Amino acid sequence: MFVIEPDLGLGTPLNGVPPAMNAHDLDPASVLGLVRHLGGRIDRVLVVGCEPQQTDERIGLSEPVQRAVGEAARLVRELLGGSRQSEMSSKGGS
């Protein structure tokens, strides 16, 4: 299990041209660029993942990845909880 915080500067469309609108071709940098192009704002992005056992084309998850789903969900909830607490503190909430 790992958490990555990507450099948000990577999401800038090249020469002001927005990324293609084909959802199958959107990589993370293109998605971030599209959000900015559409006027959105991104403060922080965290990617939670796990190392796959296999990378061959198939339907479904391998057993080790299936077992990691619960841990990943717990980690996401933990990260979101910490994010909300931090946000509330900065706004003067409790």
Protein backbone atom coordinates (compact mmCIF):
# COMPACT_ATOMS: atom_id res chain seq x y z
CA MET A 1 0.00 0.00 0.00
CA PHE A 2 1.32 3.46 -0.82
CA VAL A 3 0.23 7.10 -0.93
CA ILE A 4 1.58 9.49 -3.56
CA GLU A 5 1.09 13.25 -3.61
CA PRO A 6 1.69 14.29 -7.23
CA ASP A 7 3.10 17.63 -8.31
CA LEU A 8 0.00 19.56 -9.35
CA GLY A 9 2.04 21.60 -11.82
CA LEU A 10 1.98 18.54 -14.10
CA GLY A 11 -1.69 19.11 -14.86
CA THR A 12 -1.21 22.14 -17.09
CA PRO A 13 -2.41 21.63 -20.67
CA LEU A 14 0.35 22.18 -23.24
CA ASN A 15 0.21 25.60 -24.94
CA GLY A 16 -3.19 26.29 -23.39
CA VAL A 17 -4.80 23.46 -25.37
CA PRO A 18 -7.11 21.32 -23.24
CA PRO A 19 -6.56 17.56 -23.16
CA ALA A 20 -8.64 15.31 -25.42
CA MET A 21 -12.13 14.63 -24.16
CA ASN A 22 -11.91 10.87 -24.73
CA ALA A 23 -12.23 9.37 -21.24
CA HIS A 24 -10.19 6.31 -22.28
CA ASP A 25 -7.19 8.50 -23.06
CA LEU A 26 -7.22 10.64 -19.91
CA ASP A 27 -4.19 10.13 -17.70
CA PRO A 28 -3.94 11.81 -14.27
CA ALA A 29 -2.00 14.83 -15.60
CA SER A 30 -4.63 15.37 -18.33
CA VAL A 31 -7.47 15.17 -15.79
CA LEU A 32 -5.78 17.77 -13.59
CA GLY A 33 -5.20 19.98 -16.63
CA LEU A 34 -8.83 19.60 -17.69
CA VAL A 35 -10.05 20.65 -14.24
CA ARG A 36 -7.96 23.81 -14.47
CA HIS A 37 -9.06 24.45 -18.07
CA LEU A 38 -12.70 24.25 -16.95
CA GLY A 39 -12.04 26.80 -14.19
CA GLY A 40 -11.75 24.37 -11.30
CA ARG A 41 -9.25 24.59 -8.49
CA ILE A 42 -7.27 21.73 -7.00
CA ASP A 43 -5.55 22.24 -3.66
CA ARG A 44 -4.23 18.75 -3.02
CA VAL A 45 -4.35 15.32 -4.64
CA LEU A 46 -3.41 12.06 -2.95
CA VAL A 47 -3.26 8.76 -4.84
CA VAL A 48 -3.70 5.58 -2.80
CA GLY A 49 -2.56 2.41 -4.49
CA CYS A 50 -1.03 -1.01 -4.17
CA GLU A 51 1.50 -2.91 -6.24
CA PRO A 52 -0.24 -5.37 -8.59
CA GLN A 53 0.89 -8.97 -8.63
CA GLN A 54 0.26 -9.21 -12.37
CA THR A 55 -0.10 -6.60 -15.09
CA ASP A 56 -1.38 -8.82 -17.88
CA GLU A 57 -4.78 -7.97 -19.33
CA ARG A 58 -7.62 -9.65 -17.45
CA ILE A 59 -10.99 -9.05 -15.87
CA GLY A 60 -11.08 -8.56 -12.10
CA LEU A 61 -8.49 -8.15 -9.39
CA SER A 62 -5.83 -10.63 -8.33
CA GLU A 63 -6.30 -12.16 -4.87
CA PRO A 64 -3.60 -10.00 -3.22
CA VAL A 65 -5.13 -6.83 -4.65
CA GLN A 66 -8.65 -7.93 -3.59
CA ARG A 67 -7.32 -8.42 -0.05
CA ALA A 68 -5.78 -4.93 -0.12
CA VAL A 69 -9.07 -3.18 -1.00
CA GLY A 70 -10.26 -3.03 2.62
CA GLU A 71 -6.95 -1.61 3.81
CA ALA A 72 -6.98 0.94 0.96
CA ALA A 73 -10.51 2.03 1.88
CA ARG A 74 -9.47 2.43 5.53
CA LEU A 75 -6.46 4.49 4.47
CA VAL A 76 -8.61 6.73 2.25
CA ARG A 77 -11.07 7.31 5.13
CA GLU A 78 -8.13 8.12 7.42
CA LEU A 79 -6.68 10.58 4.89
CA LEU A 80 -10.06 12.22 4.35
CA GLY A 81 -10.65 12.50 8.09
CA GLY A 82 -7.27 14.17 8.58
CA SER A 83 -7.94 16.47 5.63
CA ARG A 84 -11.31 17.55 7.02
CA GLN A 85 -9.88 18.15 10.49
CA SER A 86 -7.09 20.24 9.00
CA GLU A 87 -9.58 22.20 6.89
CA MET A 88 -11.84 22.84 9.88
CA SER A 89 -8.89 23.99 12.00
CA SER A 90 -7.78 26.46 9.33
CA LYS A 91 -11.33 27.86 9.18
CA GLY A 92 -11.54 28.17 12.95
CA GLY A 93 -13.92 25.21 13.42
CA SER A 94 -13.65 22.47 16.01
